[in-house]
Each structure stands twice: as C-alpha cells, then as structure tokens.
C-alpha cells in the first residue's frame, strides 16, 4: 500500500485526489495547502478545463507547511499540484526527503530547474514523473497508436488546438502572473508542445507568433520545424471571454488517412481509400490513468517509460524557444 501526500489542494489537487481514490494499492494519508480549509479536506470547489475538482472528502492529516508533510515518515509518495514556480523547489525537497514524486505539468518554470530536478532524482534514486496528462488522454492515445503503427504512412501535416477563457480563479492570481505561471504558453500550450514531440520527436526548430498581454503570451501559434516537408503546428491560448467554451482537438493528415477529433465530436478516421469510420476509443479518465501508471511504476520499482524526464524537460525547452520566437519575431533553431 502506497501512502500518498498531496501538496496543493485546489482544483487540480482535487482531480488527483479522485484519481488516487480509485486505486486499491494506494491511499491519501496527508493533505497540504496554505489555506487551512483545503488542508482539512473540505476542498476548493475550483473546476478545471476538463472537469473534476469540486468538494473533497478524505480522512487525511492536514498540513499548511509542506516541510511538515515531508517530515511525515508515513508518507511514501508526494503528489505536487502547486503553482508552476514552486514545482522545482518542492519536488527536489520531497526527493531529498526520500519520497517518490508525481508533479503536475509543466515540469518547472525553466530548463535550468528541470535539469536540477532530473539530477536530484538520479542522486536520490527516487521516482520522479511529470503528469503530462495528454499522453494518457484516450483520443490522443488512439492517434499515437495509429501514427506509430505506420498503417497509414507518415504524418505530413497536423494541427493541435487548445483554447480557454482567461483563468481568473487562481489563488493570489498566480496563473495570470507570468513570472509564476509562464502564461498560456507554459500552462496551456505546453500540453500540445509535449504531445507533438512525444509523437514526432524533437523538431529542429520552432517559429511562433503570439499575442502579448500583461498576463504573458496569451494566445499563440507554434510551427514545429521537421524535415521531409512536414507542416506541424499547434494553437493555444486563454484569450477568450467567460462565455467561450473550452476547446481542444486535432486534425492530422497522414499519407493514407486523415484523423480528426474535437472535444464535442467522436474521433474519426478518413482513409484515402474507403469509408470514414470511428475507431474504438478507451473510456478511461486520463488523470486517473496517469496516476495509476505512476503508482504501478513506483510499486514495481521501474522507471515511468511513458513519461521520460528528458522529454518533459524538452517540452520546457520548446516552450522557451516558442517564447523567444514570439518576442523576437524570428524562427529559433534547436
């Protein structure tokens, strides 16, 4: 049985708590949040783009200082759902305290912090995994299987989309403080940056254009430079008014088929020859799936191969390159 402590009990912390509660092999024994009500297990009521959150009910020890939770010898695993600028600090402290660590995306505020986290995990021998949930999202998993199988040939073009309202709900307004969150680029767009490079490998460069606001880069389109005349891009932003519905999806063209999915529609394959069809898509919860995968890796003592630290670090590298391209108006080589 894995004993879990969650640090940061807002909307995402509630989602993670729900994921852990589905496992017979783990139990949440401690909660930490600077807001005492949250730490006591009463929750935040905050909703996230893809659902979840809401009221939390759990019998766990409450902490308002993460150092106190890390000193709790009963805790085996720490799940970090804190603002981005705290990820590296708290993750490294947890690893040094002898805890295995699941940390919400993005990995850290910059590549230098990512490198420190990777080094600390190696030095301590503890498991560190970054929760890039789209790698476990059912429709994206089906797309990855279709691409990796080679059934329809190579990818020739692709566009990924993720659009949201302005997130005005964060404590201390940290999401809309660019120095803390990295803006929509690092908090939202990073989902698709990470998926693109997990699917196609690292590009040789990026070209990006975006809308810069006091909240950071709030809307951008990033083109990933690959060889063989491929056209790969992603659009992301939290640039929209409160009535705007959250959107995410993709349109991927391969040599022998086109695959399309939007949040409100079924995933559909359009073969070059033959009728369109809807493949079987797993019905699992991506958040619960990534947590179950992490727990299994910790229990078996194996490295989380589906979430390589080098790749999640490179997602931050790509985000930094996209920011540089937006601000300079020039392509950036990698």
Protein backbone atom coordinates (compact mmCIF):
# COMPACT_ATOMS: atom_id res chain seq x y z
CA UNK A 1 0.00 0.00 0.00
CA UNK A 2 1.37 3.38 -1.04
CA UNK A 3 0.73 6.22 1.39
CA UNK A 4 0.24 9.46 -0.53
CA UNK A 5 0.51 13.10 0.46
CA UNK A 6 -0.95 15.74 -1.87
CA UNK A 7 0.62 19.20 -1.73
CA UNK A 8 -1.71 21.81 -3.21
CA UNK A 9 -5.41 21.04 -2.81
CA UNK A 10 -7.04 23.31 -5.37
CA UNK A 11 -8.89 22.19 -8.48
CA UNK A 12 -6.07 20.01 -9.78
CA UNK A 13 -5.36 18.64 -6.32
CA UNK A 14 -8.99 17.55 -6.16
CA UNK A 15 -8.70 15.83 -9.52
CA UNK A 16 -5.59 13.97 -8.37
CA UNK A 17 -7.28 13.00 -5.11
CA UNK A 18 -10.08 11.48 -7.15
CA UNK A 19 -7.53 9.53 -9.18
CA UNK A 20 -5.76 8.15 -6.12
CA UNK A 21 -9.10 7.19 -4.54
CA UNK A 22 -9.76 4.77 -7.41
CA UNK A 23 -6.71 2.67 -6.55
CA UNK A 24 -6.76 -0.28 -4.17
CA UNK A 25 -2.97 -0.08 -3.93
CA UNK A 26 -2.78 3.47 -2.54
CA UNK A 27 -4.41 5.77 -0.02
CA UNK A 28 -4.15 9.50 0.58
CA UNK A 29 -2.96 9.98 4.17
CA UNK A 30 -1.94 13.65 4.13
CA UNK A 31 -3.03 16.92 2.52
CA UNK A 32 -1.10 20.17 2.46
CA UNK A 33 -2.33 23.61 1.48
CA UNK A 34 -1.66 27.07 2.82
CA UNK A 35 -5.43 27.52 3.03
CA UNK A 36 -6.40 25.56 6.18
CA UNK A 37 -9.87 24.67 4.90
CA UNK A 38 -8.37 22.92 1.90
CA UNK A 39 -5.75 21.16 4.01
CA UNK A 40 -8.52 19.84 6.24
CA UNK A 41 -10.08 18.07 3.27
CA UNK A 42 -13.00 20.39 2.57
CA UNK A 43 -11.74 21.29 -0.88
CA UNK A 44 -11.71 24.35 -3.09
CA UNK A 45 -14.67 23.90 -5.39
CA UNK A 46 -12.42 25.03 -8.26
CA UNK A 47 -13.18 23.46 -11.62
CA UNK A 48 -10.57 22.86 -14.30
CA UNK A 49 -10.96 22.95 -18.07
CA UNK A 50 -11.54 19.23 -18.48
CA UNK A 51 -13.74 18.77 -15.42
CA UNK A 52 -13.03 17.44 -11.96
CA UNK A 53 -12.21 19.35 -8.82
CA UNK A 54 -15.06 20.33 -6.58
CA UNK A 55 -15.60 19.30 -3.00
CA UNK A 56 -13.03 16.95 -1.49
CA UNK A 57 -13.84 14.47 1.27
CA UNK A 58 -10.98 12.45 2.74
CA UNK A 59 -9.72 11.41 6.14
CA UNK A 60 -6.12 12.64 6.00
CA UNK A 61 -3.67 14.52 8.18
CA UNK A 62 -3.81 18.26 7.42
CA UNK A 63 -0.69 20.38 6.91
CA UNK A 64 -0.27 24.03 5.96
CA UNK A 65 3.53 23.83 5.53
CA UNK A 66 4.91 21.36 3.02
CA UNK A 67 8.08 20.82 5.07
CA UNK A 68 5.94 19.31 7.81
CA UNK A 69 4.32 16.90 5.37
CA UNK A 70 7.74 15.89 4.03
CA UNK A 71 8.84 15.12 7.59
CA UNK A 72 5.93 12.68 7.97
CA UNK A 73 7.55 9.26 7.81
CA UNK A 74 4.25 7.58 6.93
CA UNK A 75 4.17 9.31 3.51
CA UNK A 76 5.76 7.30 0.67
CA UNK A 77 4.64 9.37 -2.31
CA UNK A 78 4.19 13.12 -2.74
CA UNK A 79 1.83 14.44 -5.41
CA UNK A 80 2.58 18.10 -6.22
CA UNK A 81 -0.31 20.24 -7.52
CA UNK A 82 1.18 23.66 -6.79
CA UNK A 83 1.78 26.79 -8.89
CA UNK A 84 4.44 26.24 -11.54
CA UNK A 85 7.10 28.39 -9.89
CA UNK A 86 7.06 26.07 -6.85
CA UNK A 87 7.39 22.77 -8.70
CA UNK A 88 11.19 22.51 -8.70
CA UNK A 89 11.67 23.66 -5.11
CA UNK A 90 9.08 21.31 -3.61
CA UNK A 91 9.86 18.34 -5.87
CA UNK A 92 13.55 18.43 -5.02
CA UNK A 93 12.82 18.79 -1.30
CA UNK A 94 10.48 15.79 -1.48
CA UNK A 95 13.01 13.65 -3.34
CA UNK A 96 15.68 14.52 -0.79
CA UNK A 97 13.24 13.59 1.97
CA UNK A 98 13.05 10.10 0.49
CA UNK A 99 9.67 10.44 -1.24
CA UNK A 100 8.68 9.37 -4.72
CA UNK A 101 7.23 12.35 -6.60
CA UNK A 102 4.43 12.88 -9.08
CA UNK A 103 4.48 16.53 -10.17
CA UNK A 104 1.84 18.30 -12.22
CA UNK A 105 2.79 19.81 -15.54
CA UNK A 106 4.62 21.89 -16.59
CA UNK A 107 7.77 20.36 -15.17
CA UNK A 108 9.19 23.68 -13.96
CA UNK A 109 9.43 27.35 -14.79
CA UNK A 110 12.59 26.94 -16.90
CA UNK A 111 15.01 24.35 -18.29
CA UNK A 112 17.64 25.01 -15.61
CA UNK A 113 15.15 23.99 -12.91
CA UNK A 114 14.22 20.88 -14.92
CA UNK A 115 17.86 19.86 -15.05
CA UNK A 116 18.14 20.26 -11.27
CA UNK A 117 15.07 18.10 -10.74
CA UNK A 118 16.41 15.35 -13.00
CA UNK A 119 19.78 15.41 -11.25
CA UNK A 120 18.13 15.25 -7.82
CA UNK A 121 16.01 12.26 -8.83
CA UNK A 122 19.11 10.48 -10.07
CA UNK A 123 21.05 11.26 -6.89
CA UNK A 124 18.29 10.13 -4.54
CA UNK A 125 17.21 7.07 -6.52
CA UNK A 126 13.57 8.05 -6.12
CA UNK A 127 10.96 8.04 -8.88
CA UNK A 128 10.01 11.39 -10.41
CA UNK A 129 7.29 11.68 -13.04
CA UNK A 130 5.72 14.77 -14.61
CA UNK A 131 1.97 14.49 -15.15
CA UNK A 132 1.66 15.44 -18.82
CA UNK A 133 -1.85 14.01 -18.91
CA UNK A 134 -2.46 14.31 -22.65
CA UNK A 135 -0.12 11.35 -23.14
CA UNK A 136 -2.82 9.32 -21.35
CA UNK A 137 -5.87 11.05 -22.84
CA UNK A 138 -7.87 8.39 -24.73
CA UNK A 139 -8.19 10.12 -28.11
CA UNK A 140 -4.54 11.14 -28.15
CA UNK A 141 -3.51 7.59 -27.27
CA UNK A 142 -5.50 6.27 -30.24
CA UNK A 143 -3.88 8.86 -32.50
CA UNK A 144 -0.43 7.87 -31.26
CA UNK A 145 -1.21 4.20 -31.92
CA UNK A 146 -2.38 5.00 -35.46
CA UNK A 147 0.76 7.04 -36.19
CA UNK A 148 3.20 4.62 -34.56
CA UNK A 149 1.69 1.58 -36.29
CA UNK A 150 2.62 3.01 -39.68
CA UNK A 151 -0.69 1.71 -41.09
CA UNK A 152 -1.36 4.98 -42.89
CA UNK A 153 2.20 6.08 -43.52
CA UNK A 154 3.98 9.10 -42.13
CA UNK A 155 2.42 12.29 -40.83
CA UNK A 156 2.52 15.03 -43.45
CA UNK A 157 0.63 17.75 -41.60
CA UNK A 158 -1.01 18.23 -38.24
CA UNK A 159 -2.64 20.93 -36.17
CA UNK A 160 -3.43 20.75 -32.46
CA UNK A 161 -5.75 23.23 -30.75
CA UNK A 162 -6.34 24.19 -27.09
CA UNK A 163 -8.33 27.35 -26.31
CA UNK A 164 -9.70 28.56 -23.00
CA UNK A 165 -11.22 31.50 -21.19
CA UNK A 166 -8.93 33.69 -19.10
CA UNK A 167 -8.26 31.79 -15.84
CA UNK A 168 -9.19 34.33 -13.19
CA UNK A 169 -9.76 31.81 -10.41
CA UNK A 170 -6.25 31.03 -9.11
CA UNK A 171 -5.20 31.82 -5.54
CA UNK A 172 -3.16 35.06 -5.43
CA UNK A 173 -3.87 35.27 -9.19
CA UNK A 174 -0.76 33.20 -9.82
CA UNK A 175 -1.95 31.90 -13.21
CA UNK A 176 -2.14 35.45 -14.57
CA UNK A 177 1.26 36.36 -13.13
CA UNK A 178 3.68 35.49 -15.97
CA UNK A 179 6.74 35.19 -13.74
CA UNK A 180 4.96 32.44 -11.81
CA UNK A 181 2.96 30.55 -14.45
CA UNK A 182 4.66 31.34 -17.75
CA UNK A 183 1.30 32.46 -19.10
CA UNK A 184 -0.87 30.48 -21.51
CA UNK A 185 2.26 29.32 -23.32
CA UNK A 186 3.66 27.34 -20.42
CA UNK A 187 0.46 26.43 -18.60
CA UNK A 188 -1.87 25.54 -21.51
CA UNK A 189 0.02 25.35 -24.81
CA UNK A 190 2.64 23.09 -23.20
CA UNK A 191 0.14 20.20 -23.39
CA UNK A 192 0.34 20.17 -27.17
CA UNK A 193 4.04 21.00 -27.26
CA UNK A 194 4.66 17.92 -25.15
CA UNK A 195 2.39 15.69 -27.22
CA UNK A 196 3.89 16.79 -30.54
CA UNK A 197 7.42 15.96 -29.51
CA UNK A 198 6.33 12.69 -27.86
CA UNK A 199 4.69 11.72 -31.16
CA UNK A 200 7.22 13.02 -33.69
CA UNK A 201 10.42 13.63 -31.74
CA UNK A 202 12.22 16.90 -31.22
CA UNK A 203 11.92 19.35 -34.12
CA UNK A 204 14.96 21.17 -35.45
CA UNK A 205 13.39 24.49 -34.57
CA UNK A 206 10.20 26.47 -33.99
CA UNK A 207 8.51 29.50 -35.46
CA UNK A 208 5.86 31.15 -33.31
CA UNK A 209 3.66 34.22 -33.37
CA UNK A 210 1.55 35.32 -30.46
CA UNK A 211 -0.49 37.95 -28.69
CA UNK A 212 1.38 39.50 -25.77
CA UNK A 213 -0.68 40.91 -22.90
CA UNK A 214 0.05 41.85 -19.26
CA UNK A 215 -0.78 38.19 -18.45
CA UNK A 216 2.08 36.98 -20.65
CA UNK A 217 1.78 35.37 -24.07
CA UNK A 218 -1.95 34.78 -24.02
CA UNK A 219 -2.52 33.29 -27.49
CA UNK A 220 -0.04 31.82 -29.93
CA UNK A 221 0.50 29.54 -32.88
CA UNK A 222 3.69 27.49 -32.91
CA UNK A 223 5.04 25.81 -36.03
CA UNK A 224 7.41 22.91 -35.38
CA UNK A 225 10.15 22.55 -37.97
CA UNK A 226 10.60 18.96 -39.15
CA UNK A 227 12.17 17.59 -42.29
CA UNK A 228 10.57 15.95 -45.32
CA UNK A 229 8.22 18.84 -45.98
CA UNK A 230 6.05 18.26 -42.91
CA UNK A 231 3.74 21.01 -41.65
CA UNK A 232 3.12 20.62 -37.91
CA UNK A 233 1.56 23.33 -35.77
CA UNK A 234 -0.32 23.96 -32.55
CA UNK A 235 -2.54 26.82 -31.42
CA UNK A 236 -3.19 27.63 -27.79
CA UNK A 237 -4.42 30.42 -25.62
CA UNK A 238 -6.57 31.65 -22.78
CA UNK A 239 -7.61 34.75 -24.65
CA UNK A 240 -11.37 34.37 -24.64
CA UNK A 241 -14.36 35.79 -22.68
CA UNK A 242 -16.19 33.84 -19.94
CA UNK A 243 -18.96 32.59 -22.26
CA UNK A 244 -16.46 30.90 -24.61
CA UNK A 245 -16.46 27.08 -24.34
CA UNK A 246 -13.17 25.27 -23.73
CA UNK A 247 -11.89 23.68 -26.93
CA UNK A 248 -9.26 21.12 -27.71
CA UNK A 249 -8.67 18.79 -30.60
CA UNK A 250 -6.51 17.86 -33.57
CA UNK A 251 -6.51 17.38 -37.33
CA UNK A 252 -3.74 15.06 -38.52
CA UNK A 253 -3.03 14.17 -42.14
CA UNK A 254 -1.06 11.04 -42.89
CA UNK A 255 -0.13 9.67 -46.30
CA UNK A 256 -3.05 7.23 -46.25
CA UNK A 257 -5.64 8.86 -43.99
CA UNK A 258 -6.76 11.93 -42.09
CA UNK A 259 -7.66 11.71 -38.40
CA UNK A 260 -9.84 14.36 -36.76
CA UNK A 261 -11.11 14.91 -33.23
CA UNK A 262 -12.72 17.75 -31.31
CA UNK A 263 -13.86 17.68 -27.71
CA UNK A 264 -17.53 17.71 -28.73
CA UNK A 265 -17.22 15.11 -31.54
CA UNK A 266 -16.06 11.50 -31.89
CA UNK A 267 -12.60 10.72 -33.21
CA UNK A 268 -12.94 9.91 -36.91
CA UNK A 269 -10.56 8.34 -39.43
CA UNK A 270 -10.95 9.29 -43.08
CA UNK A 271 -8.94 6.77 -45.16
CA UNK A 272 -7.62 7.77 -48.57
CA UNK A 273 -9.48 4.72 -49.86
CA UNK A 274 -12.70 3.61 -48.18
CA UNK A 275 -15.35 4.96 -45.87
CA UNK A 276 -14.80 7.09 -42.82
CA UNK A 277 -15.01 5.23 -39.51
CA UNK A 278 -14.85 5.82 -35.77
CA UNK A 279 -12.27 3.57 -34.08
CA UNK A 280 -12.69 2.19 -30.58
CA UNK A 281 -11.55 4.75 -28.01
CA UNK A 282 -10.81 3.76 -24.38
CA UNK A 283 -13.27 5.24 -21.91
CA UNK A 284 -10.80 5.80 -19.08
CA UNK A 285 -10.15 9.07 -17.25
CA UNK A 286 -6.77 10.38 -18.37
CA UNK A 287 -5.93 11.80 -14.94
CA UNK A 288 -6.78 8.56 -13.15
CA UNK A 289 -4.86 6.61 -15.78
CA UNK A 290 -1.64 8.59 -15.36
CA UNK A 291 -1.85 8.28 -11.56
CA UNK A 292 -2.44 4.51 -11.79
CA UNK A 293 0.52 4.22 -14.16
CA UNK A 294 2.78 6.17 -11.80
CA UNK A 295 1.67 4.12 -8.79
CA UNK A 296 2.37 0.89 -10.68
CA UNK A 297 5.86 2.06 -11.64
CA UNK A 298 6.66 3.00 -8.04
CA UNK A 299 5.32 -0.31 -6.73
CA UNK A 300 7.35 -2.31 -9.25
CA UNK A 301 10.42 -0.12 -8.91
CA UNK A 302 10.63 0.72 -12.61
CA UNK A 303 11.20 3.99 -14.46
CA UNK A 304 8.00 5.55 -15.94
CA UNK A 305 8.93 4.89 -19.57
CA UNK A 306 5.80 6.60 -20.93
CA UNK A 307 6.84 9.90 -19.31
CA UNK A 308 10.62 10.19 -19.83
CA UNK A 309 12.08 13.04 -17.80
CA UNK A 310 14.28 14.05 -20.72
CA UNK A 311 11.17 14.53 -22.88
CA UNK A 312 9.20 16.50 -20.31
CA UNK A 313 12.30 18.66 -19.86
CA UNK A 314 12.47 19.16 -23.62
CA UNK A 315 8.86 20.34 -23.58
CA UNK A 316 10.01 23.26 -21.42
CA UNK A 317 12.92 23.82 -23.81
CA UNK A 318 10.46 24.00 -26.71
CA UNK A 319 8.22 26.39 -24.78
CA UNK A 320 11.18 28.67 -24.11
CA UNK A 321 12.08 28.58 -27.81
CA UNK A 322 8.49 29.44 -28.77
CA UNK A 323 8.55 32.39 -26.35
CA UNK A 324 11.83 33.58 -27.83
CA UNK A 325 10.37 33.34 -31.32
CA UNK A 326 7.21 35.27 -30.37
CA UNK A 327 9.19 38.05 -28.72
CA UNK A 328 11.81 38.33 -31.47
CA UNK A 329 9.60 37.66 -34.47
CA UNK A 330 12.24 35.21 -35.72
CA UNK A 331 12.48 31.41 -36.01
CA UNK A 332 14.54 29.68 -33.31
CA UNK A 333 16.80 26.70 -34.04
CA UNK A 334 17.22 23.90 -31.51
